[in-house]
Amino acid sequence: MASVPSVYEWAGGSEAFERLTEVFYRRHVHDDEILGPLFARMPADHPHHVALWLAEVFGGPAQYSERHGGYAHMVSMHVGLALTEQQRARWVQLIGVAADDAGLPSDPEFRSAFIAYIEWGTRLAVHNSQPEAEPPREAPMPHWGWGEAPPYQP
């Protein structure tokens, strides 16, 4: 019986997440009427940081945690932004389109795991970004797997 690859491995590793975030931010977010203003002043390396985050979440190397401080740092980047549901929903929509454009796997198992995390993570980001929010200062880095539907391997 073959071992089940991580979502990170199935996606294509670090290169796949780098492609994804480059396509997402440069091709989709930059000119978007809802998200463009939110990211207008993002540092040039922002897509790379998000790629490191996603790679680690989906079972890749702990480079985001080692270089940036893990979950606590990610939360701190969203505190006080007052993100809206409209921005969250658009982020989810566009990263799904970017996954297609970047050539990430299109099988239902991968997309189910990928979008499940994106939904969960963006909802936390909206919650943690509100003025009255008091997110935990320390929490474990999330790690996301296949859930109930690992990839079919004949």
N, C-alpha and C. Protein backbone atom coordinates (compact mmCIF):
# COMPACT_ATOMS: atom_id res chain seq x y z
N MET A 1 0.84 -1.18 0.00
CA MET A 1 0.00 0.00 0.00
C MET A 1 0.88 1.24 0.00
N ALA A 2 0.63 2.14 -0.93
CA ALA A 2 1.42 3.36 -1.04
C ALA A 2 1.06 4.32 0.08
N SER A 3 2.06 5.07 0.55
CA SER A 3 1.78 6.06 1.58
C SER A 3 1.05 7.25 0.94
N VAL A 4 0.24 7.89 1.73
CA VAL A 4 -0.54 9.04 1.25
C VAL A 4 0.35 10.28 1.29
N PRO A 5 0.50 10.96 0.18
CA PRO A 5 1.31 12.18 0.18
C PRO A 5 0.61 13.28 0.95
N SER A 6 1.37 14.23 1.44
CA SER A 6 0.77 15.40 2.09
C SER A 6 0.09 16.25 1.02
N VAL A 7 -0.77 17.14 1.44
CA VAL A 7 -1.40 18.08 0.51
C VAL A 7 -0.30 18.91 -0.16
N TYR A 8 0.71 19.29 0.59
CA TYR A 8 1.85 20.03 0.07
C TYR A 8 2.52 19.26 -1.08
N GLU A 9 2.81 18.00 -0.85
CA GLU A 9 3.45 17.18 -1.87
C GLU A 9 2.56 17.03 -3.10
N TRP A 10 1.27 16.76 -2.87
CA TRP A 10 0.33 16.56 -3.96
C TRP A 10 0.21 17.84 -4.81
N ALA A 11 0.28 18.99 -4.15
CA ALA A 11 0.17 20.27 -4.87
C ALA A 11 1.36 20.53 -5.78
N GLY A 12 2.51 19.96 -5.44
CA GLY A 12 3.72 20.21 -6.22
C GLY A 12 4.82 20.87 -5.43
N GLY A 13 4.67 20.91 -4.10
CA GLY A 13 5.72 21.44 -3.25
C GLY A 13 5.80 22.96 -3.25
N SER A 14 6.92 23.46 -2.77
CA SER A 14 7.12 24.90 -2.62
C SER A 14 6.94 25.66 -3.92
N GLU A 15 7.42 25.10 -5.02
CA GLU A 15 7.30 25.78 -6.31
C GLU A 15 5.85 26.04 -6.67
N ALA A 16 4.98 25.10 -6.37
CA ALA A 16 3.56 25.27 -6.68
C ALA A 16 2.94 26.40 -5.87
N PHE A 17 3.29 26.49 -4.59
CA PHE A 17 2.73 27.56 -3.76
C PHE A 17 3.33 28.92 -4.12
N GLU A 18 4.58 28.95 -4.56
CA GLU A 18 5.17 30.21 -5.05
C GLU A 18 4.45 30.66 -6.32
N ARG A 19 4.19 29.73 -7.24
CA ARG A 19 3.46 30.06 -8.46
C ARG A 19 2.07 30.58 -8.12
N LEU A 20 1.41 29.87 -7.23
CA LEU A 20 0.05 30.25 -6.82
C LEU A 20 -0.01 31.68 -6.31
N THR A 21 0.86 32.02 -5.37
CA THR A 21 0.76 33.34 -4.76
C THR A 21 1.22 34.44 -5.72
N GLU A 22 2.17 34.16 -6.58
CA GLU A 22 2.56 35.15 -7.60
C GLU A 22 1.40 35.44 -8.53
N VAL A 23 0.77 34.39 -9.04
CA VAL A 23 -0.38 34.56 -9.93
C VAL A 23 -1.51 35.27 -9.19
N PHE A 24 -1.77 34.85 -7.99
CA PHE A 24 -2.87 35.42 -7.21
C PHE A 24 -2.71 36.92 -7.00
N TYR A 25 -1.58 37.32 -6.46
CA TYR A 25 -1.39 38.74 -6.15
C TYR A 25 -1.13 39.59 -7.39
N ARG A 26 -0.32 39.12 -8.32
CA ARG A 26 0.05 39.94 -9.47
C ARG A 26 -1.05 39.99 -10.53
N ARG A 27 -1.73 38.87 -10.78
CA ARG A 27 -2.70 38.80 -11.86
C ARG A 27 -4.12 39.07 -11.41
N HIS A 28 -4.43 38.74 -10.15
CA HIS A 28 -5.82 38.83 -9.71
C HIS A 28 -6.08 39.93 -8.69
N VAL A 29 -5.27 40.02 -7.66
CA VAL A 29 -5.52 40.97 -6.58
C VAL A 29 -5.16 42.40 -6.98
N HIS A 30 -4.06 42.56 -7.65
CA HIS A 30 -3.52 43.88 -7.95
C HIS A 30 -4.57 44.84 -8.53
N ASP A 31 -5.35 44.39 -9.50
CA ASP A 31 -6.31 45.26 -10.17
C ASP A 31 -7.75 45.03 -9.73
N ASP A 32 -7.95 44.23 -8.72
CA ASP A 32 -9.31 43.95 -8.26
C ASP A 32 -9.88 45.14 -7.51
N GLU A 33 -11.13 45.47 -7.79
CA GLU A 33 -11.75 46.65 -7.17
C GLU A 33 -12.00 46.46 -5.67
N ILE A 34 -12.13 45.23 -5.22
CA ILE A 34 -12.39 44.97 -3.80
C ILE A 34 -11.08 44.78 -3.03
N LEU A 35 -10.17 43.98 -3.58
CA LEU A 35 -8.93 43.66 -2.87
C LEU A 35 -7.75 44.55 -3.24
N GLY A 36 -7.77 45.13 -4.42
CA GLY A 36 -6.66 45.98 -4.85
C GLY A 36 -6.28 47.05 -3.84
N PRO A 37 -7.25 47.83 -3.35
CA PRO A 37 -6.90 48.87 -2.38
C PRO A 37 -6.31 48.31 -1.07
N LEU A 38 -6.78 47.17 -0.64
CA LEU A 38 -6.28 46.56 0.60
C LEU A 38 -4.81 46.17 0.48
N PHE A 39 -4.41 45.74 -0.71
CA PHE A 39 -3.04 45.26 -0.92
C PHE A 39 -2.19 46.24 -1.73
N ALA A 40 -2.65 47.45 -1.93
CA ALA A 40 -1.95 48.42 -2.77
C ALA A 40 -0.53 48.70 -2.30
N ARG A 41 -0.30 48.63 -1.00
CA ARG A 41 1.03 48.95 -0.46
C ARG A 41 1.75 47.71 0.08
N MET A 42 1.36 46.54 -0.41
CA MET A 42 2.01 45.33 0.10
C MET A 42 3.47 45.30 -0.33
N PRO A 43 4.33 44.82 0.56
CA PRO A 43 5.74 44.68 0.19
C PRO A 43 5.90 43.69 -0.98
N ALA A 44 6.94 43.86 -1.74
CA ALA A 44 7.18 43.00 -2.90
C ALA A 44 7.30 41.53 -2.52
N ASP A 45 7.74 41.25 -1.30
CA ASP A 45 7.92 39.85 -0.89
C ASP A 45 6.66 39.25 -0.23
N HIS A 46 5.57 39.98 -0.21
CA HIS A 46 4.35 39.47 0.41
C HIS A 46 3.89 38.14 -0.21
N PRO A 47 3.85 38.02 -1.54
CA PRO A 47 3.44 36.72 -2.10
C PRO A 47 4.33 35.57 -1.64
N HIS A 48 5.61 35.81 -1.50
CA HIS A 48 6.53 34.77 -1.02
C HIS A 48 6.20 34.37 0.41
N HIS A 49 5.90 35.34 1.27
CA HIS A 49 5.56 35.03 2.66
C HIS A 49 4.29 34.19 2.73
N VAL A 50 3.30 34.53 1.91
CA VAL A 50 2.06 33.76 1.89
C VAL A 50 2.32 32.35 1.35
N ALA A 51 3.20 32.24 0.37
CA ALA A 51 3.56 30.91 -0.15
C ALA A 51 4.20 30.05 0.94
N LEU A 52 5.10 30.65 1.73
CA LEU A 52 5.72 29.91 2.84
C LEU A 52 4.67 29.47 3.85
N TRP A 53 3.74 30.37 4.16
CA TRP A 53 2.66 30.05 5.11
C TRP A 53 1.84 28.87 4.60
N LEU A 54 1.35 28.97 3.37
CA LEU A 54 0.50 27.91 2.83
C LEU A 54 1.26 26.59 2.73
N ALA A 55 2.49 26.65 2.30
CA ALA A 55 3.30 25.42 2.20
C ALA A 55 3.39 24.74 3.56
N GLU A 56 3.68 25.51 4.60
CA GLU A 56 3.80 24.93 5.94
C GLU A 56 2.47 24.38 6.43
N VAL A 57 1.41 25.11 6.22
CA VAL A 57 0.08 24.66 6.65
C VAL A 57 -0.26 23.32 6.01
N PHE A 58 0.08 23.15 4.75
CA PHE A 58 -0.30 21.94 4.03
C PHE A 58 0.73 20.81 4.11
N GLY A 59 1.67 20.93 5.04
CA GLY A 59 2.58 19.82 5.30
C GLY A 59 3.99 20.00 4.80
N GLY A 60 4.33 21.19 4.34
CA GLY A 60 5.68 21.45 3.87
C GLY A 60 6.61 21.88 4.99
N PRO A 61 7.80 22.32 4.64
CA PRO A 61 8.79 22.71 5.65
C PRO A 61 8.30 23.89 6.50
N ALA A 62 8.80 23.97 7.71
CA ALA A 62 8.38 25.00 8.67
C ALA A 62 9.11 26.32 8.45
N GLN A 63 9.26 26.73 7.22
CA GLN A 63 10.02 27.94 6.90
C GLN A 63 9.31 29.21 7.35
N TYR A 64 7.99 29.26 7.26
CA TYR A 64 7.30 30.46 7.72
C TYR A 64 7.52 30.63 9.22
N SER A 65 7.34 29.55 9.96
CA SER A 65 7.54 29.63 11.42
C SER A 65 8.96 30.00 11.77
N GLU A 66 9.92 29.39 11.10
CA GLU A 66 11.33 29.66 11.40
C GLU A 66 11.75 31.08 11.04
N ARG A 67 11.24 31.60 9.94
CA ARG A 67 11.67 32.93 9.46
C ARG A 67 10.82 34.08 9.98
N HIS A 68 9.54 33.79 10.30
CA HIS A 68 8.63 34.89 10.61
C HIS A 68 7.92 34.76 11.95
N GLY A 69 8.02 33.63 12.60
CA GLY A 69 7.41 33.51 13.92
C GLY A 69 6.10 32.76 13.98
N GLY A 70 5.71 32.11 12.91
CA GLY A 70 4.54 31.25 12.94
C GLY A 70 3.22 31.96 13.08
N TYR A 71 2.30 31.27 13.74
CA TYR A 71 0.92 31.73 13.85
C TYR A 71 0.81 33.11 14.49
N ALA A 72 1.55 33.35 15.55
CA ALA A 72 1.47 34.64 16.24
C ALA A 72 1.78 35.80 15.29
N HIS A 73 2.76 35.61 14.44
CA HIS A 73 3.12 36.66 13.47
C HIS A 73 2.01 36.85 12.45
N MET A 74 1.46 35.76 11.94
CA MET A 74 0.39 35.88 10.95
C MET A 74 -0.80 36.62 11.54
N VAL A 75 -1.17 36.27 12.76
CA VAL A 75 -2.29 36.95 13.41
C VAL A 75 -1.97 38.43 13.56
N SER A 76 -0.77 38.75 13.96
CA SER A 76 -0.41 40.16 14.17
C SER A 76 -0.50 40.97 12.89
N MET A 77 -0.34 40.33 11.75
CA MET A 77 -0.42 41.04 10.48
C MET A 77 -1.86 41.43 10.12
N HIS A 78 -2.83 40.82 10.79
CA HIS A 78 -4.24 41.08 10.48
C HIS A 78 -4.94 41.93 11.54
N VAL A 79 -4.34 42.05 12.72
CA VAL A 79 -4.97 42.81 13.81
C VAL A 79 -5.23 44.25 13.37
N GLY A 80 -6.46 44.68 13.61
CA GLY A 80 -6.84 46.06 13.33
C GLY A 80 -7.19 46.37 11.89
N LEU A 81 -7.13 45.41 10.98
CA LEU A 81 -7.43 45.68 9.58
C LEU A 81 -8.93 45.82 9.30
N ALA A 82 -9.76 45.31 10.19
CA ALA A 82 -11.22 45.36 10.02
C ALA A 82 -11.64 44.82 8.65
N LEU A 83 -11.15 43.64 8.33
CA LEU A 83 -11.51 43.01 7.07
C LEU A 83 -13.01 42.75 7.02
N THR A 84 -13.55 42.82 5.82
CA THR A 84 -15.00 42.63 5.64
C THR A 84 -15.30 41.26 5.05
N GLU A 85 -16.54 40.85 5.17
CA GLU A 85 -16.97 39.60 4.56
C GLU A 85 -16.83 39.68 3.04
N GLN A 86 -17.09 40.82 2.46
CA GLN A 86 -16.94 40.98 1.02
C GLN A 86 -15.48 40.77 0.60
N GLN A 87 -14.54 41.32 1.35
CA GLN A 87 -13.12 41.12 1.04
C GLN A 87 -12.73 39.65 1.21
N ARG A 88 -13.20 39.04 2.28
CA ARG A 88 -12.89 37.63 2.53
C ARG A 88 -13.40 36.75 1.39
N ALA A 89 -14.65 36.93 1.02
CA ALA A 89 -15.25 36.11 -0.03
C ALA A 89 -14.52 36.30 -1.36
N ARG A 90 -14.13 37.53 -1.64
CA ARG A 90 -13.41 37.79 -2.89
C ARG A 90 -12.03 37.15 -2.86
N TRP A 91 -11.36 37.18 -1.71
CA TRP A 91 -10.05 36.54 -1.56
C TRP A 91 -10.17 35.06 -1.85
N VAL A 92 -11.19 34.43 -1.27
CA VAL A 92 -11.41 32.99 -1.49
C VAL A 92 -11.67 32.71 -2.97
N GLN A 93 -12.54 33.51 -3.58
CA GLN A 93 -12.87 33.32 -4.99
C GLN A 93 -11.63 33.44 -5.87
N LEU A 94 -10.85 34.49 -5.65
CA LEU A 94 -9.70 34.73 -6.52
C LEU A 94 -8.56 33.74 -6.31
N ILE A 95 -8.39 33.24 -5.09
CA ILE A 95 -7.31 32.26 -4.91
C ILE A 95 -7.70 30.93 -5.56
N GLY A 96 -9.00 30.65 -5.62
CA GLY A 96 -9.45 29.46 -6.35
C GLY A 96 -9.16 29.59 -7.84
N VAL A 97 -9.42 30.75 -8.40
CA VAL A 97 -9.12 31.00 -9.81
C VAL A 97 -7.61 30.94 -10.04
N ALA A 98 -6.86 31.52 -9.12
CA ALA A 98 -5.40 31.50 -9.24
C ALA A 98 -4.85 30.08 -9.17
N ALA A 99 -5.47 29.23 -8.38
CA ALA A 99 -5.04 27.83 -8.31
C ALA A 99 -5.17 27.17 -9.68
N ASP A 100 -6.25 27.49 -10.40
CA ASP A 100 -6.39 26.99 -11.77
C ASP A 100 -5.30 27.57 -12.66
N ASP A 101 -5.14 28.88 -12.61
CA ASP A 101 -4.17 29.56 -13.47
C ASP A 101 -2.73 29.11 -13.20
N ALA A 102 -2.44 28.78 -11.95
CA ALA A 102 -1.08 28.37 -11.57
C ALA A 102 -0.84 26.88 -11.79
N GLY A 103 -1.86 26.17 -12.23
CA GLY A 103 -1.69 24.75 -12.54
C GLY A 103 -1.65 23.84 -11.33
N LEU A 104 -2.27 24.27 -10.23
CA LEU A 104 -2.36 23.37 -9.08
C LEU A 104 -3.32 22.22 -9.43
N PRO A 105 -3.22 21.11 -8.73
CA PRO A 105 -4.08 19.97 -9.07
C PRO A 105 -5.55 20.36 -9.03
N SER A 106 -6.31 19.79 -9.94
CA SER A 106 -7.73 20.11 -10.03
C SER A 106 -8.62 18.96 -9.56
N ASP A 107 -8.00 17.90 -9.04
CA ASP A 107 -8.82 16.78 -8.58
C ASP A 107 -9.67 17.22 -7.39
N PRO A 108 -10.84 16.61 -7.23
CA PRO A 108 -11.75 17.05 -6.17
C PRO A 108 -11.19 16.90 -4.76
N GLU A 109 -10.34 15.93 -4.54
CA GLU A 109 -9.77 15.74 -3.21
C GLU A 109 -8.85 16.88 -2.84
N PHE A 110 -7.97 17.27 -3.77
CA PHE A 110 -7.07 18.38 -3.49
C PHE A 110 -7.86 19.67 -3.29
N ARG A 111 -8.77 19.95 -4.22
CA ARG A 111 -9.50 21.20 -4.12
C ARG A 111 -10.36 21.26 -2.86
N SER A 112 -10.89 20.14 -2.44
CA SER A 112 -11.67 20.10 -1.20
C SER A 112 -10.80 20.47 0.00
N ALA A 113 -9.63 19.87 0.09
CA ALA A 113 -8.71 20.17 1.20
C ALA A 113 -8.24 21.62 1.12
N PHE A 114 -7.88 22.06 -0.06
CA PHE A 114 -7.35 23.41 -0.26
C PHE A 114 -8.39 24.46 0.12
N ILE A 115 -9.57 24.36 -0.45
CA ILE A 115 -10.60 25.37 -0.21
C ILE A 115 -11.12 25.29 1.23
N ALA A 116 -11.15 24.10 1.81
CA ALA A 116 -11.57 23.99 3.22
C ALA A 116 -10.65 24.82 4.11
N TYR A 117 -9.34 24.72 3.90
CA TYR A 117 -8.42 25.53 4.70
C TYR A 117 -8.60 27.01 4.40
N ILE A 118 -8.71 27.36 3.13
CA ILE A 118 -8.85 28.77 2.74
C ILE A 118 -10.09 29.37 3.40
N GLU A 119 -11.19 28.65 3.40
CA GLU A 119 -12.41 29.12 4.06
C GLU A 119 -12.18 29.31 5.56
N TRP A 120 -11.61 28.30 6.20
CA TRP A 120 -11.36 28.34 7.64
C TRP A 120 -10.42 29.50 7.98
N GLY A 121 -9.31 29.58 7.27
CA GLY A 121 -8.30 30.60 7.56
C GLY A 121 -8.79 32.01 7.32
N THR A 122 -9.54 32.22 6.24
CA THR A 122 -10.02 33.57 5.96
C THR A 122 -11.09 34.01 6.96
N ARG A 123 -11.87 33.07 7.43
CA ARG A 123 -12.88 33.43 8.44
C ARG A 123 -12.20 33.81 9.76
N LEU A 124 -11.13 33.12 10.12
CA LEU A 124 -10.36 33.51 11.30
C LEU A 124 -9.71 34.88 11.10
N ALA A 125 -9.19 35.11 9.91
CA ALA A 125 -8.55 36.41 9.64
C ALA A 125 -9.54 37.55 9.79
N VAL A 126 -10.75 37.38 9.28
CA VAL A 126 -11.77 38.42 9.43
C VAL A 126 -12.07 38.63 10.91
N HIS A 127 -12.29 37.55 11.63
CA HIS A 127 -12.60 37.66 13.06
C HIS A 127 -11.46 38.37 13.81
N ASN A 128 -10.24 37.93 13.59
CA ASN A 128 -9.09 38.49 14.30
C ASN A 128 -8.76 39.92 13.90
N SER A 129 -9.29 40.38 12.78
CA SER A 129 -8.97 41.72 12.30
C SER A 129 -9.92 42.80 12.82
N GLN A 130 -10.98 42.38 13.50
CA GLN A 130 -11.98 43.36 13.95
C GLN A 130 -11.45 44.16 15.14
N PRO A 131 -11.89 45.41 15.26
CA PRO A 131 -11.37 46.28 16.33
C PRO A 131 -11.55 45.71 17.73
N GLU A 132 -12.63 44.98 17.97
CA GLU A 132 -12.89 44.44 19.31
C GLU A 132 -12.26 43.06 19.54
N ALA A 133 -11.64 42.51 18.52
CA ALA A 133 -11.08 41.16 18.61
C ALA A 133 -9.89 41.11 19.57
N GLU A 134 -9.80 40.01 20.27
CA GLU A 134 -8.66 39.74 21.15
C GLU A 134 -8.11 38.36 20.81
N PRO A 135 -7.41 38.25 19.67
CA PRO A 135 -6.90 36.93 19.28
C PRO A 135 -5.85 36.43 20.25
N PRO A 136 -5.70 35.13 20.35
CA PRO A 136 -4.67 34.59 21.25
C PRO A 136 -3.28 35.04 20.81
N ARG A 137 -2.46 35.37 21.77
CA ARG A 137 -1.09 35.80 21.45
C ARG A 137 -0.25 34.63 20.96
N GLU A 138 -0.53 33.47 21.46
CA GLU A 138 0.19 32.27 21.05
C GLU A 138 -0.81 31.18 20.72
N ALA A 139 -0.60 30.51 19.64
CA ALA A 139 -1.42 29.37 19.24
C ALA A 139 -0.57 28.52 18.31
N PRO A 140 -0.87 27.25 18.22
CA PRO A 140 -0.07 26.41 17.34
C PRO A 140 -0.30 26.74 15.86
N MET A 141 0.70 26.50 15.08
CA MET A 141 0.59 26.66 13.64
C MET A 141 -0.44 25.65 13.13
N PRO A 142 -1.40 26.09 12.33
CA PRO A 142 -2.36 25.11 11.80
C PRO A 142 -1.68 24.19 10.80
N HIS A 143 -2.09 22.95 10.81
CA HIS A 143 -1.62 21.97 9.82
C HIS A 143 -2.84 21.31 9.23
N TRP A 144 -2.94 21.35 7.92
CA TRP A 144 -4.14 20.92 7.22
C TRP A 144 -3.82 19.72 6.36
N GLY A 145 -4.64 18.70 6.47
CA GLY A 145 -4.46 17.49 5.68
C GLY A 145 -5.64 17.23 4.77
N TRP A 146 -5.82 15.98 4.46
CA TRP A 146 -6.85 15.58 3.51
C TRP A 146 -8.25 15.54 4.10
N GLY A 147 -8.36 15.55 5.39
CA GLY A 147 -9.70 15.42 5.96
C GLY A 147 -10.27 14.04 5.68
N GLU A 148 -11.40 14.00 5.10
CA GLU A 148 -12.09 12.72 4.85
C GLU A 148 -11.85 12.17 3.45
N ALA A 149 -11.12 12.89 2.62
CA ALA A 149 -10.99 12.46 1.23
C ALA A 149 -9.55 12.52 0.74
N PRO A 150 -8.71 11.55 1.14
CA PRO A 150 -7.35 11.55 0.59
C PRO A 150 -7.40 11.25 -0.92
N PRO A 151 -6.36 11.57 -1.65
CA PRO A 151 -6.40 11.35 -3.10
C PRO A 151 -6.50 9.87 -3.44
N TYR A 152 -7.24 9.58 -4.48
CA TYR A 152 -7.36 8.21 -4.97
C TYR A 152 -6.07 7.83 -5.68
N GLN A 153 -5.49 6.72 -5.28
CA GLN A 153 -4.28 6.23 -5.91
C GLN A 153 -4.48 4.77 -6.28
N PRO A 154 -4.75 4.51 -7.55
CA PRO A 154 -5.01 3.11 -7.96
C PRO A 154 -3.81 2.21 -7.73
